[in-house]
């Protein structure tokens, strides 16, 4: 499993390699698209619900066997108005000037 850079509230993906046909799901502060049973390489669409260094559990189920893998994913925060990357302690967006908190 590989997790490239993700941004809060925006769809991105993680790369998964399933050696056998299995059903993939995730647990954590993420929305994901259920792709059903897969085998081989997969880019699984994810949308983080918050920012920071977040835990993500990827679960693969094949019949009665279950494998779980914990990842720590660095999720960048974004301005709710324009989507620009902002730091956690910023009060205003550097791009559009919107109040963040």
N, C-alpha and C. Protein backbone atom coordinates (compact mmCIF):
# COMPACT_ATOMS: atom_id res chain seq x y z
N UNK A 1 0.85 -1.18 0.00
CA UNK A 1 0.00 0.00 0.00
C UNK A 1 0.89 1.23 0.00
N UNK A 2 0.58 2.18 -0.86
CA UNK A 2 1.28 3.47 -0.91
C UNK A 2 0.25 4.59 -0.83
N UNK A 3 0.58 5.63 -0.08
CA UNK A 3 -0.32 6.77 0.06
C UNK A 3 0.39 8.05 -0.36
N UNK A 4 0.15 8.54 -1.58
CA UNK A 4 0.72 9.82 -1.98
C UNK A 4 0.06 10.96 -1.21
N UNK A 5 0.48 12.16 -1.45
CA UNK A 5 -0.05 13.33 -0.75
C UNK A 5 -1.55 13.49 -1.01
N UNK A 6 -2.30 13.74 0.05
CA UNK A 6 -3.75 13.95 -0.04
C UNK A 6 -4.10 15.31 0.56
N UNK A 7 -5.21 15.89 0.12
CA UNK A 7 -5.69 17.17 0.64
C UNK A 7 -7.07 17.00 1.25
N UNK A 8 -7.31 17.68 2.37
CA UNK A 8 -8.58 17.61 3.07
C UNK A 8 -9.74 17.99 2.15
N UNK A 9 -10.78 17.15 2.15
CA UNK A 9 -12.00 17.43 1.40
C UNK A 9 -11.90 17.24 -0.10
N UNK A 10 -10.76 16.73 -0.60
CA UNK A 10 -10.60 16.54 -2.05
C UNK A 10 -10.30 15.07 -2.32
N UNK A 11 -10.85 14.57 -3.43
CA UNK A 11 -10.61 13.18 -3.80
C UNK A 11 -9.17 12.99 -4.25
N UNK A 12 -8.55 11.95 -3.75
CA UNK A 12 -7.22 11.53 -4.14
C UNK A 12 -7.25 10.01 -4.19
N UNK A 13 -6.12 9.36 -4.03
CA UNK A 13 -6.12 7.90 -4.07
C UNK A 13 -4.94 7.35 -3.29
N UNK A 14 -5.07 6.08 -2.94
CA UNK A 14 -3.94 5.31 -2.43
C UNK A 14 -3.73 4.15 -3.39
N UNK A 15 -2.48 3.71 -3.53
CA UNK A 15 -2.16 2.59 -4.41
C UNK A 15 -2.13 1.30 -3.59
N UNK A 16 -2.83 0.29 -4.09
CA UNK A 16 -2.91 -1.00 -3.41
C UNK A 16 -2.53 -2.10 -4.39
N UNK A 17 -1.80 -3.08 -3.92
CA UNK A 17 -1.51 -4.26 -4.74
C UNK A 17 -2.12 -5.46 -4.01
N UNK A 18 -3.13 -6.07 -4.63
CA UNK A 18 -3.78 -7.25 -4.08
C UNK A 18 -3.29 -8.47 -4.85
N UNK A 19 -2.58 -9.35 -4.17
CA UNK A 19 -2.01 -10.53 -4.83
C UNK A 19 -3.07 -11.57 -5.17
N UNK A 20 -4.14 -11.59 -4.38
CA UNK A 20 -5.27 -12.49 -4.66
C UNK A 20 -6.55 -11.67 -4.72
N UNK A 21 -7.58 -12.23 -5.29
CA UNK A 21 -8.85 -11.52 -5.38
C UNK A 21 -9.41 -11.33 -3.97
N UNK A 22 -9.71 -10.07 -3.62
CA UNK A 22 -10.22 -9.76 -2.29
C UNK A 22 -11.08 -8.50 -2.33
N UNK A 23 -11.79 -8.26 -1.27
CA UNK A 23 -12.62 -7.07 -1.12
C UNK A 23 -11.86 -6.08 -0.25
N UNK A 24 -11.71 -4.84 -0.72
CA UNK A 24 -10.95 -3.81 -0.02
C UNK A 24 -11.90 -2.82 0.64
N UNK A 25 -11.60 -2.43 1.88
CA UNK A 25 -12.31 -1.35 2.54
C UNK A 25 -11.31 -0.58 3.40
N UNK A 26 -11.71 0.61 3.85
CA UNK A 26 -10.84 1.41 4.70
C UNK A 26 -11.60 1.86 5.94
N UNK A 27 -10.84 2.12 7.00
CA UNK A 27 -11.39 2.65 8.25
C UNK A 27 -10.60 3.89 8.61
N UNK A 28 -11.26 4.91 9.09
CA UNK A 28 -10.60 6.15 9.49
C UNK A 28 -11.41 7.34 9.02
N UNK A 29 -10.81 8.51 9.09
CA UNK A 29 -11.47 9.77 8.73
C UNK A 29 -11.42 10.01 7.22
N UNK A 30 -11.91 9.03 6.46
CA UNK A 30 -11.85 9.09 5.00
C UNK A 30 -13.14 8.55 4.40
N UNK A 31 -13.62 9.20 3.34
CA UNK A 31 -14.65 8.60 2.49
C UNK A 31 -13.90 7.83 1.41
N UNK A 32 -14.49 6.74 0.93
CA UNK A 32 -13.85 5.99 -0.15
C UNK A 32 -14.91 5.41 -1.07
N UNK A 33 -14.50 5.11 -2.29
CA UNK A 33 -15.41 4.48 -3.25
C UNK A 33 -15.21 2.97 -3.18
N UNK A 34 -16.28 2.24 -2.92
CA UNK A 34 -16.22 0.78 -2.85
C UNK A 34 -16.09 0.24 -4.27
N UNK A 35 -14.98 -0.41 -4.53
CA UNK A 35 -14.73 -0.93 -5.88
C UNK A 35 -15.03 -2.42 -5.99
N UNK A 36 -15.56 -3.02 -4.92
CA UNK A 36 -15.89 -4.43 -4.95
C UNK A 36 -14.67 -5.31 -4.83
N UNK A 37 -14.72 -6.49 -5.41
CA UNK A 37 -13.59 -7.42 -5.35
C UNK A 37 -12.56 -7.05 -6.40
N UNK A 38 -11.29 -7.06 -6.01
CA UNK A 38 -10.21 -6.67 -6.91
C UNK A 38 -9.04 -7.64 -6.81
N UNK A 39 -8.22 -7.63 -7.84
CA UNK A 39 -6.95 -8.36 -7.83
C UNK A 39 -5.98 -7.56 -8.67
N UNK A 40 -4.73 -7.50 -8.24
CA UNK A 40 -3.72 -6.75 -8.96
C UNK A 40 -3.56 -5.36 -8.40
N UNK A 41 -3.08 -4.44 -9.23
CA UNK A 41 -2.84 -3.06 -8.80
C UNK A 41 -4.12 -2.25 -8.89
N UNK A 42 -4.31 -1.37 -7.89
CA UNK A 42 -5.53 -0.57 -7.81
C UNK A 42 -5.20 0.79 -7.24
N UNK A 43 -5.77 1.84 -7.83
CA UNK A 43 -5.76 3.17 -7.23
C UNK A 43 -7.13 3.35 -6.57
N UNK A 44 -7.18 3.28 -5.24
CA UNK A 44 -8.43 3.37 -4.50
C UNK A 44 -8.75 4.82 -4.19
N UNK A 45 -9.87 5.37 -4.71
CA UNK A 45 -10.22 6.77 -4.46
C UNK A 45 -10.59 7.00 -2.99
N UNK A 46 -9.99 8.06 -2.40
CA UNK A 46 -10.23 8.45 -1.01
C UNK A 46 -10.45 9.95 -0.92
N UNK A 47 -11.27 10.36 0.06
CA UNK A 47 -11.44 11.79 0.35
C UNK A 47 -11.30 11.99 1.86
N UNK A 48 -10.18 12.60 2.30
CA UNK A 48 -9.97 12.83 3.74
C UNK A 48 -11.00 13.82 4.29
N UNK A 49 -11.51 13.54 5.50
CA UNK A 49 -12.50 14.40 6.15
C UNK A 49 -11.84 15.49 6.99
N UNK A 50 -10.55 15.33 7.31
CA UNK A 50 -9.83 16.33 8.11
C UNK A 50 -8.37 16.33 7.68
N UNK A 51 -7.58 17.21 8.29
CA UNK A 51 -6.17 17.32 7.91
C UNK A 51 -5.27 16.90 9.06
N UNK A 52 -3.99 16.73 8.77
CA UNK A 52 -3.02 16.32 9.77
C UNK A 52 -2.44 14.96 9.41
N UNK A 53 -1.76 14.35 10.35
CA UNK A 53 -1.19 13.02 10.16
C UNK A 53 -2.24 12.02 10.66
N UNK A 54 -3.01 11.45 9.74
CA UNK A 54 -4.18 10.65 10.10
C UNK A 54 -3.94 9.15 9.94
N UNK A 55 -4.48 8.35 10.88
CA UNK A 55 -4.40 6.90 10.72
C UNK A 55 -5.42 6.41 9.70
N UNK A 56 -5.01 5.47 8.88
CA UNK A 56 -5.88 4.86 7.89
C UNK A 56 -5.64 3.36 7.94
N UNK A 57 -6.71 2.60 8.17
CA UNK A 57 -6.60 1.14 8.17
C UNK A 57 -7.17 0.63 6.86
N UNK A 58 -6.34 -0.08 6.10
CA UNK A 58 -6.78 -0.71 4.86
C UNK A 58 -7.05 -2.17 5.18
N UNK A 59 -8.24 -2.62 4.81
CA UNK A 59 -8.67 -3.98 5.15
C UNK A 59 -8.94 -4.75 3.87
N UNK A 60 -8.35 -5.95 3.76
CA UNK A 60 -8.58 -6.83 2.61
C UNK A 60 -9.17 -8.14 3.11
N UNK A 61 -10.31 -8.52 2.56
CA UNK A 61 -10.99 -9.75 2.99
C UNK A 61 -11.10 -10.70 1.80
N UNK A 62 -10.62 -11.92 2.02
CA UNK A 62 -10.68 -12.98 1.00
C UNK A 62 -11.30 -14.20 1.68
N UNK A 63 -12.60 -14.39 1.48
CA UNK A 63 -13.29 -15.51 2.14
C UNK A 63 -13.27 -15.31 3.65
N UNK A 64 -12.64 -16.23 4.37
CA UNK A 64 -12.57 -16.11 5.83
C UNK A 64 -11.24 -15.52 6.31
N UNK A 65 -10.35 -15.12 5.38
CA UNK A 65 -9.08 -14.49 5.74
C UNK A 65 -9.21 -12.97 5.66
N UNK A 66 -8.63 -12.31 6.66
CA UNK A 66 -8.66 -10.85 6.69
C UNK A 66 -7.25 -10.33 6.99
N UNK A 67 -6.83 -9.35 6.21
CA UNK A 67 -5.55 -8.69 6.44
C UNK A 67 -5.83 -7.21 6.63
N UNK A 68 -5.22 -6.63 7.68
CA UNK A 68 -5.39 -5.20 7.97
C UNK A 68 -4.01 -4.56 7.99
N UNK A 69 -3.92 -3.38 7.41
CA UNK A 69 -2.65 -2.65 7.42
C UNK A 69 -2.92 -1.21 7.86
N UNK A 70 -2.15 -0.77 8.87
CA UNK A 70 -2.27 0.60 9.37
C UNK A 70 -1.27 1.49 8.66
N UNK A 71 -1.77 2.60 8.13
CA UNK A 71 -0.91 3.62 7.50
C UNK A 71 -1.14 4.95 8.20
N UNK A 72 -0.11 5.76 8.27
CA UNK A 72 -0.26 7.13 8.72
C UNK A 72 -0.13 8.00 7.48
N UNK A 73 -1.19 8.73 7.18
CA UNK A 73 -1.26 9.51 5.94
C UNK A 73 -1.21 11.00 6.28
N UNK A 74 -0.29 11.70 5.63
CA UNK A 74 -0.18 13.15 5.81
C UNK A 74 -1.19 13.85 4.90
N UNK A 75 -2.19 14.48 5.51
CA UNK A 75 -3.26 15.15 4.76
C UNK A 75 -3.11 16.65 4.95
N UNK A 76 -2.97 17.36 3.83
CA UNK A 76 -2.84 18.81 3.88
C UNK A 76 -4.22 19.44 4.05
N UNK A 77 -4.25 20.53 4.81
CA UNK A 77 -5.49 21.30 4.97
C UNK A 77 -5.72 22.18 3.77
N UNK A 78 -6.96 22.56 3.57
CA UNK A 78 -7.29 23.42 2.43
C UNK A 78 -8.33 24.46 2.80
N UNK A 79 -8.28 25.58 2.12
CA UNK A 79 -9.26 26.63 2.31
C UNK A 79 -10.62 26.13 1.81
N UNK A 80 -11.68 26.27 2.62
CA UNK A 80 -13.00 25.80 2.16
C UNK A 80 -13.55 26.61 0.99
N UNK A 81 -13.04 27.83 0.79
CA UNK A 81 -13.55 28.66 -0.31
C UNK A 81 -12.84 28.40 -1.63
N UNK A 82 -11.48 28.35 -1.60
CA UNK A 82 -10.75 28.23 -2.87
C UNK A 82 -9.90 26.98 -2.98
N UNK A 83 -9.72 26.23 -1.87
CA UNK A 83 -8.96 24.99 -1.92
C UNK A 83 -7.46 25.14 -1.76
N UNK A 84 -6.96 26.37 -1.57
CA UNK A 84 -5.53 26.60 -1.42
C UNK A 84 -5.02 25.90 -0.15
N UNK A 85 -3.76 25.42 -0.19
CA UNK A 85 -3.15 24.80 0.98
C UNK A 85 -2.94 25.88 2.05
N UNK A 86 -3.41 25.59 3.26
CA UNK A 86 -3.24 26.50 4.40
C UNK A 86 -2.69 25.72 5.58
N UNK A 87 -1.99 26.39 6.45
CA UNK A 87 -1.46 25.77 7.65
C UNK A 87 -2.54 25.71 8.72
N UNK A 88 -2.38 24.80 9.68
CA UNK A 88 -3.40 24.58 10.72
C UNK A 88 -3.65 25.82 11.57
N UNK A 89 -2.63 26.65 11.79
CA UNK A 89 -2.81 27.82 12.66
C UNK A 89 -3.14 29.11 11.89
N UNK A 90 -3.31 29.04 10.56
CA UNK A 90 -3.68 30.23 9.79
C UNK A 90 -5.10 30.65 10.11
N UNK A 91 -5.31 31.97 10.21
CA UNK A 91 -6.65 32.51 10.48
C UNK A 91 -7.35 32.90 9.18
N UNK A 92 -6.55 33.26 8.16
CA UNK A 92 -7.09 33.69 6.87
C UNK A 92 -6.35 32.97 5.74
N UNK A 93 -7.04 32.74 4.65
CA UNK A 93 -6.44 32.12 3.48
C UNK A 93 -5.50 33.12 2.80
N UNK A 94 -4.29 32.66 2.45
CA UNK A 94 -3.31 33.51 1.80
C UNK A 94 -3.72 33.85 0.37
N UNK A 95 -4.55 33.01 -0.27
CA UNK A 95 -4.92 33.23 -1.67
C UNK A 95 -6.16 34.12 -1.81
N UNK A 96 -7.26 33.77 -1.10
CA UNK A 96 -8.52 34.50 -1.31
C UNK A 96 -8.92 35.39 -0.15
N UNK A 97 -8.24 35.26 1.01
CA UNK A 97 -8.54 36.12 2.16
C UNK A 97 -9.70 35.64 3.02
N UNK A 98 -10.29 34.49 2.72
CA UNK A 98 -11.41 33.97 3.52
C UNK A 98 -10.98 33.65 4.94
N UNK A 99 -11.87 33.92 5.89
CA UNK A 99 -11.61 33.58 7.28
C UNK A 99 -11.70 32.06 7.43
N UNK A 100 -10.70 31.45 8.08
CA UNK A 100 -10.64 30.00 8.18
C UNK A 100 -11.26 29.46 9.46
N UNK A 101 -11.17 30.17 10.54
CA UNK A 101 -11.69 29.65 11.83
C UNK A 101 -12.46 30.71 12.56
